[in-house]
Amino acid sequence: MPSWDLFDKQSPEYRAEVLPHDCQKRVAVEAGCSFGWSKYVGCQGRKLTVDHFGASAPAKTIAEKFGYTTANVVKLAKEVLG
C-alpha cells in the first residue's frame, strides 16, 4: 500500500475488495515504524517494522539483521495463517 491517504479516499467497495472484511490474517512489511499499520493488518495480523533508530550498515546487512528477508516474511505469513 503505497499511500494510506489515497487508499482511505477510495470507495468502501474498493477498499473491501483490496482488504476483504473476512480476511483478517494479514502481514505488513514496512522498512520504518509500525505506527498506523494496525488499522490495516487488524488484531490477527503481524507487522515487520522497525521502531527504533541508529543502526547503520550496508543495506543487505541491515535488512538481514532486522528480518527483512524473503525467508522471514514467509515465516511470518505462515505464523499468521497458523
PDB file of N, CA and C in Angstrom:
ATOM      1  N   MET A   1       0.862  -1.165   0.000  1.00  0.00           N
ATOM      2  CA  MET A   1       0.000   0.000   0.000  1.00  0.00           C
ATOM      3  C   MET A   1       0.912   1.233   0.000  1.00  0.00           C
ATOM      4  N   PRO A   2       1.074   1.869  -1.132  1.00  0.00           N
ATOM      5  CA  PRO A   2       1.996   2.995  -1.207  1.00  0.00           C
ATOM      6  C   PRO A   2       1.532   4.244  -0.454  1.00  0.00           C
ATOM      7  N   SER A   3       0.232   4.390  -0.234  1.00  0.00           N
ATOM      8  CA  SER A   3      -0.260   5.590   0.438  1.00  0.00           C
ATOM      9  C   SER A   3      -1.546   5.274   1.198  1.00  0.00           C
ATOM     10  N   TRP A   4      -1.500   5.413   2.513  1.00  0.00           N
ATOM     11  CA  TRP A   4      -2.711   5.227   3.314  1.00  0.00           C
ATOM     12  C   TRP A   4      -3.751   6.266   2.920  1.00  0.00           C
ATOM     13  N   ASP A   5      -3.312   7.515   2.737  1.00  0.00           N
ATOM     14  CA  ASP A   5      -4.256   8.590   2.411  1.00  0.00           C
ATOM     15  C   ASP A   5      -5.029   8.281   1.138  1.00  0.00           C
ATOM     16  N   LEU A   6      -4.319   7.871   0.086  1.00  0.00           N
ATOM     17  CA  LEU A   6      -5.011   7.556  -1.169  1.00  0.00           C
ATOM     18  C   LEU A   6      -5.919   6.348  -1.007  1.00  0.00           C
ATOM     19  N   PHE A   7      -5.455   5.330  -0.298  1.00  0.00           N
ATOM     20  CA  PHE A   7      -6.281   4.141  -0.083  1.00  0.00           C
ATOM     21  C   PHE A   7      -7.554   4.490   0.674  1.00  0.00           C
ATOM     22  N   ASP A   8      -7.422   5.281   1.729  1.00  0.00           N
ATOM     23  CA  ASP A   8      -8.581   5.644   2.547  1.00  0.00           C
ATOM     24  C   ASP A   8      -9.582   6.532   1.809  1.00  0.00           C
ATOM     25  N   LYS A   9      -9.159   7.191   0.736  1.00  0.00           N
ATOM     26  CA  LYS A   9     -10.061   8.022  -0.058  1.00  0.00           C
ATOM     27  C   LYS A   9     -10.841   7.214  -1.095  1.00  0.00           C
ATOM     28  N   GLN A  10     -10.466   5.955  -1.274  1.00  0.00           N
ATOM     29  CA  GLN A  10     -11.165   5.115  -2.242  1.00  0.00           C
ATOM     30  C   GLN A  10     -12.548   4.736  -1.711  1.00  0.00           C
ATOM     31  N   SER A  11     -13.374   4.230  -2.593  1.00  0.00           N
ATOM     32  CA  SER A  11     -14.729   3.839  -2.189  1.00  0.00           C
ATOM     33  C   SER A  11     -14.669   2.658  -1.215  1.00  0.00           C
ATOM     34  N   PRO A  12     -15.672   2.528  -0.362  1.00  0.00           N
ATOM     35  CA  PRO A  12     -15.717   1.378   0.546  1.00  0.00           C
ATOM     36  C   PRO A  12     -15.668   0.046  -0.211  1.00  0.00           C
ATOM     37  N   GLU A  13     -16.269   0.013  -1.382  1.00  0.00           N
ATOM     38  CA  GLU A  13     -16.272  -1.221  -2.178  1.00  0.00           C
ATOM     39  C   GLU A  13     -14.852  -1.587  -2.617  1.00  0.00           C
ATOM     40  N   TYR A  14     -14.111  -0.603  -3.070  1.00  0.00           N
ATOM     41  CA  TYR A  14     -12.737  -0.851  -3.498  1.00  0.00           C
ATOM     42  C   TYR A  14     -11.886  -1.304  -2.320  1.00  0.00           C
ATOM     43  N   ARG A  15     -11.997  -0.593  -1.194  1.00  0.00           N
ATOM     44  CA  ARG A  15     -11.201  -0.958  -0.012  1.00  0.00           C
ATOM     45  C   ARG A  15     -11.527  -2.376   0.433  1.00  0.00           C
ATOM     46  N   ALA A  16     -12.809  -2.762   0.379  1.00  0.00           N
ATOM     47  CA  ALA A  16     -13.211  -4.113   0.763  1.00  0.00           C
ATOM     48  C   ALA A  16     -12.716  -5.152  -0.237  1.00  0.00           C
ATOM     49  N   GLU A  17     -12.553  -4.745  -1.493  1.00  0.00           N
ATOM     50  CA  GLU A  17     -12.014  -5.670  -2.496  1.00  0.00           C
ATOM     51  C   GLU A  17     -10.527  -5.926  -2.247  1.00  0.00           C
ATOM     52  N   VAL A  18      -9.802  -4.878  -1.871  1.00  0.00           N
ATOM     53  CA  VAL A  18      -8.371  -4.999  -1.619  1.00  0.00           C
ATOM     54  C   VAL A  18      -8.112  -5.680  -0.269  1.00  0.00           C
ATOM     55  N   LEU A  19      -8.854  -5.275   0.748  1.00  0.00           N
ATOM     56  CA  LEU A  19      -8.721  -5.843   2.094  1.00  0.00           C
ATOM     57  C   LEU A  19     -10.090  -6.376   2.526  1.00  0.00           C
ATOM     58  N   PRO A  20     -10.453  -7.564   2.065  1.00  0.00           N
ATOM     59  CA  PRO A  20     -11.778  -8.104   2.389  1.00  0.00           C
ATOM     60  C   PRO A  20     -11.990  -8.215   3.903  1.00  0.00           C
ATOM     61  N   HIS A  21     -13.184  -7.928   4.330  1.00  0.00           N
ATOM     62  CA  HIS A  21     -13.502  -7.955   5.764  1.00  0.00           C
ATOM     63  C   HIS A  21     -13.308  -9.330   6.373  1.00  0.00           C
ATOM     64  N   ASP A  22     -13.540 -10.375   5.597  1.00  0.00           N
ATOM     65  CA  ASP A  22     -13.404 -11.730   6.141  1.00  0.00           C
ATOM     66  C   ASP A  22     -11.961 -12.234   6.114  1.00  0.00           C
ATOM     67  N   CYS A  23     -11.040 -11.439   5.606  1.00  0.00           N
ATOM     68  CA  CYS A  23      -9.614 -11.796   5.599  1.00  0.00           C
ATOM     69  C   CYS A  23      -8.928 -10.978   6.685  1.00  0.00           C
ATOM     70  N   GLN A  24      -8.719 -11.574   7.827  1.00  0.00           N
ATOM     71  CA  GLN A  24      -8.131 -10.862   8.960  1.00  0.00           C
ATOM     72  C   GLN A  24      -6.681 -11.256   9.225  1.00  0.00           C
ATOM     73  N   LYS A  25      -6.162 -12.192   8.463  1.00  0.00           N
ATOM     74  CA  LYS A  25      -4.783 -12.659   8.656  1.00  0.00           C
ATOM     75  C   LYS A  25      -3.906 -12.005   7.606  1.00  0.00           C
ATOM     76  N   ARG A  26      -3.323 -10.863   8.001  1.00  0.00           N
ATOM     77  CA  ARG A  26      -2.560 -10.026   7.081  1.00  0.00           C
ATOM     78  C   ARG A  26      -1.171  -9.757   7.632  1.00  0.00           C
ATOM     79  N   VAL A  27      -0.244  -9.479   6.735  1.00  0.00           N
ATOM     80  CA  VAL A  27       1.122  -9.144   7.131  1.00  0.00           C
ATOM     81  C   VAL A  27       1.510  -7.841   6.436  1.00  0.00           C
ATOM     82  N   ALA A  28       2.024  -6.897   7.216  1.00  0.00           N
ATOM     83  CA  ALA A  28       2.551  -5.647   6.666  1.00  0.00           C
ATOM     84  C   ALA A  28       4.062  -5.664   6.804  1.00  0.00           C
ATOM     85  N   VAL A  29       4.746  -5.282   5.748  1.00  0.00           N
ATOM     86  CA  VAL A  29       6.208  -5.176   5.767  1.00  0.00           C
ATOM     87  C   VAL A  29       6.540  -3.718   5.482  1.00  0.00           C
ATOM     88  N   GLU A  30       7.137  -3.068   6.463  1.00  0.00           N
ATOM     89  CA  GLU A  30       7.427  -1.632   6.375  1.00  0.00           C
ATOM     90  C   GLU A  30       8.841  -1.400   6.883  1.00  0.00           C
ATOM     91  N   ALA A  31       9.704  -0.860   6.046  1.00  0.00           N
ATOM     92  CA  ALA A  31      11.073  -0.561   6.477  1.00  0.00           C
ATOM     93  C   ALA A  31      11.061   0.768   7.226  1.00  0.00           C
ATOM     94  N   GLY A  32      10.211   0.832   8.208  1.00  0.00           N
ATOM     95  CA  GLY A  32      10.030   2.011   9.033  1.00  0.00           C
ATOM     96  C   GLY A  32       9.187   1.627  10.231  1.00  0.00           C
ATOM     97  N   CYS A  33       8.595   2.597  10.881  1.00  0.00           N
ATOM     98  CA  CYS A  33       7.879   2.334  12.128  1.00  0.00           C
ATOM     99  C   CYS A  33       6.526   1.654  11.898  1.00  0.00           C
ATOM    100  N   SER A  34       6.063   1.036  12.959  1.00  0.00           N
ATOM    101  CA  SER A  34       4.804   0.279  12.910  1.00  0.00           C
ATOM    102  C   SER A  34       3.570   1.167  12.999  1.00  0.00           C
ATOM    103  N   PHE A  35       3.774   2.426  13.383  1.00  0.00           N
ATOM    104  CA  PHE A  35       2.659   3.338  13.587  1.00  0.00           C
ATOM    105  C   PHE A  35       1.712   3.333  12.388  1.00  0.00           C
ATOM    106  N   GLY A  36       0.440   3.107  12.656  1.00  0.00           N
ATOM    107  CA  GLY A  36      -0.597   3.176  11.639  1.00  0.00           C
ATOM    108  C   GLY A  36      -0.957   1.863  10.974  1.00  0.00           C
ATOM    109  N   TRP A  37      -0.087   0.876  11.032  1.00  0.00           N
ATOM    110  CA  TRP A  37      -0.355  -0.381  10.337  1.00  0.00           C
ATOM    111  C   TRP A  37      -1.412  -1.251  11.004  1.00  0.00           C
ATOM    112  N   SER A  38      -1.648  -1.077  12.279  1.00  0.00           N
ATOM    113  CA  SER A  38      -2.662  -1.895  12.969  1.00  0.00           C
ATOM    114  C   SER A  38      -4.031  -1.741  12.324  1.00  0.00           C
ATOM    115  N   LYS A  39      -4.323  -0.564  11.828  1.00  0.00           N
ATOM    116  CA  LYS A  39      -5.605  -0.303  11.159  1.00  0.00           C
ATOM    117  C   LYS A  39      -5.807  -1.229   9.965  1.00  0.00           C
ATOM    118  N   TYR A  40      -4.728  -1.622   9.319  1.00  0.00           N
ATOM    119  CA  TYR A  40      -4.827  -2.412   8.094  1.00  0.00           C
ATOM    120  C   TYR A  40      -4.569  -3.903   8.308  1.00  0.00           C
ATOM    121  N   VAL A  41      -3.740  -4.259   9.270  1.00  0.00           N
ATOM    122  CA  VAL A  41      -3.491  -5.691   9.499  1.00  0.00           C
ATOM    123  C   VAL A  41      -4.473  -6.290  10.489  1.00  0.00           C
ATOM    124  N   GLY A  42      -5.075  -5.467  11.336  1.00  0.00           N
ATOM    125  CA  GLY A  42      -6.044  -5.967  12.303  1.00  0.00           C
ATOM    126  C   GLY A  42      -5.390  -6.717  13.456  1.00  0.00           C
ATOM    127  N   CYS A  43      -6.222  -7.231  14.340  1.00  0.00           N
ATOM    128  CA  CYS A  43      -5.703  -7.874  15.550  1.00  0.00           C
ATOM    129  C   CYS A  43      -5.137  -9.267  15.284  1.00  0.00           C
ATOM    130  N   GLN A  44      -5.442  -9.865  14.149  1.00  0.00           N
ATOM    131  CA  GLN A  44      -4.890 -11.176  13.814  1.00  0.00           C
ATOM    132  C   GLN A  44      -3.663 -11.073  12.912  1.00  0.00           C
ATOM    133  N   GLY A  45      -3.313  -9.877  12.488  1.00  0.00           N
ATOM    134  CA  GLY A  45      -2.194  -9.682  11.576  1.00  0.00           C
ATOM    135  C   GLY A  45      -0.883  -9.480  12.306  1.00  0.00           C
ATOM    136  N   ARG A  46       0.178  -9.393  11.526  1.00  0.00           N
ATOM    137  CA  ARG A  46       1.524  -9.148  12.053  1.00  0.00           C
ATOM    138  C   ARG A  46       2.173  -8.045  11.245  1.00  0.00           C
ATOM    139  N   LYS A  47       3.114  -7.361  11.880  1.00  0.00           N
ATOM    140  CA  LYS A  47       3.854  -6.283  11.230  1.00  0.00           C
ATOM    141  C   LYS A  47       5.347  -6.569  11.342  1.00  0.00           C
ATOM    142  N   LEU A  48       6.045  -6.429  10.252  1.00  0.00           N
ATOM    143  CA  LEU A  48       7.504  -6.458  10.253  1.00  0.00           C
ATOM    144  C   LEU A  48       7.932  -5.022  10.061  1.00  0.00           C
ATOM    145  N   THR A  49       8.361  -4.393  11.154  1.00  0.00           N
ATOM    146  CA  THR A  49       8.696  -2.971  11.148  1.00  0.00           C
ATOM    147  C   THR A  49       9.900  -2.730  12.045  1.00  0.00           C
ATOM    148  N   VAL A  50      10.386  -1.502  12.044  1.00  0.00           N
ATOM    149  CA  VAL A  50      11.494  -1.107  12.910  1.00  0.00           C
ATOM    150  C   VAL A  50      11.054   0.155  13.646  1.00  0.00           C
ATOM    151  N   ASP A  51      10.986   0.065  14.964  1.00  0.00           N
ATOM    152  CA  ASP A  51      10.536   1.202  15.773  1.00  0.00           C
ATOM    153  C   ASP A  51      11.680   1.841  16.560  1.00  0.00           C
ATOM    154  N   HIS A  52      12.859   1.859  15.972  1.00  0.00           N
ATOM    155  CA  HIS A  52      13.998   2.495  16.617  1.00  0.00           C
ATOM    156  C   HIS A  52      14.928   3.049  15.539  1.00  0.00           C
ATOM    157  N   PHE A  53      15.878   3.840  15.959  1.00  0.00           N
ATOM    158  CA  PHE A  53      16.791   4.493  15.032  1.00  0.00           C
ATOM    159  C   PHE A  53      18.230   4.222  15.458  1.00  0.00           C
ATOM    160  N   GLY A  54      19.164   4.494  14.600  1.00  0.00           N
ATOM    161  CA  GLY A  54      20.566   4.478  14.966  1.00  0.00           C
ATOM    162  C   GLY A  54      21.382   3.361  14.358  1.00  0.00           C
ATOM    163  N   ALA A  55      20.770   2.377  13.739  1.00  0.00           N
ATOM    164  CA  ALA A  55      21.530   1.287  13.135  1.00  0.00           C
ATOM    165  C   ALA A  55      22.079   1.746  11.789  1.00  0.00           C
ATOM    166  N   SER A  56      23.294   1.306  11.496  1.00  0.00           N
ATOM    167  CA  SER A  56      23.913   1.669  10.242  1.00  0.00           C
ATOM    168  C   SER A  56      24.756   0.515   9.739  1.00  0.00           C
ATOM    169  N   ALA A  57      24.570   0.187   8.483  1.00  0.00           N
ATOM    170  CA  ALA A  57      25.332  -0.880   7.838  1.00  0.00           C
ATOM    171  C   ALA A  57      24.943  -0.893   6.370  1.00  0.00           C
ATOM    172  N   PRO A  58      25.646  -1.677   5.551  1.00  0.00           N
ATOM    173  CA  PRO A  58      25.196  -1.834   4.166  1.00  0.00           C
ATOM    174  C   PRO A  58      23.763  -2.364   4.137  1.00  0.00           C
ATOM    175  N   ALA A  59      23.034  -1.986   3.100  1.00  0.00           N
ATOM    176  CA  ALA A  59      21.602  -2.302   3.018  1.00  0.00           C
ATOM    177  C   ALA A  59      21.303  -3.780   3.239  1.00  0.00           C
ATOM    178  N   LYS A  60      22.019  -4.662   2.580  1.00  0.00           N
ATOM    179  CA  LYS A  60      21.746  -6.094   2.721  1.00  0.00           C
ATOM    180  C   LYS A  60      21.976  -6.568   4.158  1.00  0.00           C
ATOM    181  N   THR A  61      23.029  -6.082   4.779  1.00  0.00           N
ATOM    182  CA  THR A  61      23.355  -6.473   6.157  1.00  0.00           C
ATOM    183  C   THR A  61      22.272  -6.017   7.121  1.00  0.00           C
ATOM    184  N   ILE A  62      21.853  -4.769   7.009  1.00  0.00           N
ATOM    185  CA  ILE A  62      20.845  -4.233   7.931  1.00  0.00           C
ATOM    186  C   ILE A  62      19.494  -4.893   7.695  1.00  0.00           C
ATOM    187  N   ALA A  63      19.164  -5.180   6.441  1.00  0.00           N
ATOM    188  CA  ALA A  63      17.903  -5.860   6.134  1.00  0.00           C
ATOM    189  C   ALA A  63      17.873  -7.244   6.777  1.00  0.00           C
ATOM    190  N   GLU A  64      18.959  -7.971   6.660  1.00  0.00           N
ATOM    191  CA  GLU A  64      19.027  -9.304   7.276  1.00  0.00           C
ATOM    192  C   GLU A  64      18.965  -9.208   8.790  1.00  0.00           C
ATOM    193  N   LYS A  65      19.664  -8.245   9.372  1.00  0.00           N
ATOM    194  CA  LYS A  65      19.676  -8.100  10.831  1.00  0.00           C
ATOM    195  C   LYS A  65      18.274  -7.873  11.384  1.00  0.00           C
ATOM    196  N   PHE A  66      17.451  -7.103  10.680  1.00  0.00           N
ATOM    197  CA  PHE A  66      16.116  -6.786  11.165  1.00  0.00           C
ATOM    198  C   PHE A  66      15.020  -7.683  10.593  1.00  0.00           C
ATOM    199  N   GLY A  67      15.412  -8.728   9.871  1.00  0.00           N
ATOM    200  CA  GLY A  67      14.430  -9.710   9.416  1.00  0.00           C
ATOM    201  C   GLY A  67      13.761  -9.421   8.103  1.00  0.00           C
ATOM    202  N   TYR A  68      14.299  -8.479   7.343  1.00  0.00           N
ATOM    203  CA  TYR A  68      13.715  -8.149   6.042  1.00  0.00           C
ATOM    204  C   TYR A  68      14.286  -9.074   4.966  1.00  0.00           C
ATOM    205  N   THR A  69      13.958 -10.345   5.116  1.00  0.00           N
ATOM    206  CA  THR A  69      14.380 -11.351   4.145  1.00  0.00           C
ATOM    207  C   THR A  69      13.147 -12.100   3.666  1.00  0.00           C
ATOM    208  N   THR A  70      13.259 -12.695   2.510  1.00  0.00           N
ATOM    209  CA  THR A  70      12.140 -13.481   1.991  1.00  0.00           C
ATOM    210  C   THR A  70      11.776 -14.583   2.969  1.00  0.00           C
ATOM    211  N   ALA A  71      12.778 -15.271   3.485  1.00  0.00           N
ATOM    212  CA  ALA A  71      12.528 -16.384   4.406  1.00  0.00           C
ATOM    213  C   ALA A  71      11.767 -15.915   5.645  1.00  0.00           C
ATOM    214  N   ASN A  72      12.127 -14.774   6.190  1.00  0.00           N
ATOM    215  CA  ASN A  72      11.449 -14.297   7.397  1.00  0.00           C
ATOM    216  C   ASN A  72      10.032 -13.827   7.110  1.00  0.00           C
ATOM    217  N   VAL A  73       9.813 -13.180   5.965  1.00  0.00           N
ATOM    218  CA  VAL A  73       8.454 -12.743   5.615  1.00  0.00           C
ATOM    219  C   VAL A  73       7.562 -13.972   5.412  1.00  0.00           C
ATOM    220  N   VAL A  74       8.082 -15.000   4.765  1.00  0.00           N
ATOM    221  CA  VAL A  74       7.320 -16.248   4.583  1.00  0.00           C
ATOM    222  C   VAL A  74       7.017 -16.862   5.942  1.00  0.00           C
ATOM    223  N   LYS A  75       7.996 -16.865   6.842  1.00  0.00           N
ATOM    224  CA  LYS A  75       7.798 -17.405   8.193  1.00  0.00           C
ATOM    225  C   LYS A  75       6.673 -16.648   8.915  1.00  0.00           C
ATOM    226  N   LEU A  76       6.691 -15.327   8.857  1.00  0.00           N
ATOM    227  CA  LEU A  76       5.631 -14.519   9.495  1.00  0.00           C
ATOM    228  C   LEU A  76       4.268 -14.843   8.914  1.00  0.00           C
ATOM    229  N   ALA A  77       4.212 -14.951   7.595  1.00  0.00           N
ATOM    230  CA  ALA A  77       2.933 -15.265   6.942  1.00  0.00           C
ATOM    231  C   ALA A  77       2.410 -16.619   7.381  1.00  0.00           C
ATOM    232  N   LYS A  78       3.294 -17.597   7.477  1.00  0.00           N
ATOM    233  CA  LYS A  78       2.876 -18.925   7.923  1.00  0.00           C
ATOM    234  C   LYS A  78       2.410 -18.905   9.376  1.00  0.00           C
ATOM    235  N   GLU A  79       3.083 -18.107  10.210  1.00  0.00           N
ATOM    236  CA  GLU A  79       2.650 -17.975  11.610  1.00  0.00           C
ATOM    237  C   GLU A  79       1.244 -17.370  11.671  1.00  0.00           C
ATOM    238  N   VAL A  80       1.006 -16.351  10.876  1.00  0.00           N
ATOM    239  CA  VAL A  80      -0.301 -15.703  10.859  1.00  0.00           C
ATOM    240  C   VAL A  80      -1.382 -16.686  10.403  1.00  0.00           C
ATOM    241  N   LEU A  81      -1.059 -17.472   9.392  1.00  0.00           N
ATOM    242  CA  LEU A  81      -2.038 -18.417   8.866  1.00  0.00           C
ATOM    243  C   LEU A  81      -2.251 -19.599   9.800  1.00  0.00           C
ATOM    244  N   GLY A  82      -1.314 -19.798  10.720  1.00  0.00           N
ATOM    245  CA  GLY A  82      -1.451 -20.856  11.725  1.00  0.00           C
ATOM    246  C   GLY A  82      -1.256 -22.209  11.175  1.00  0.00           C
TER     247      GLY A  82
END
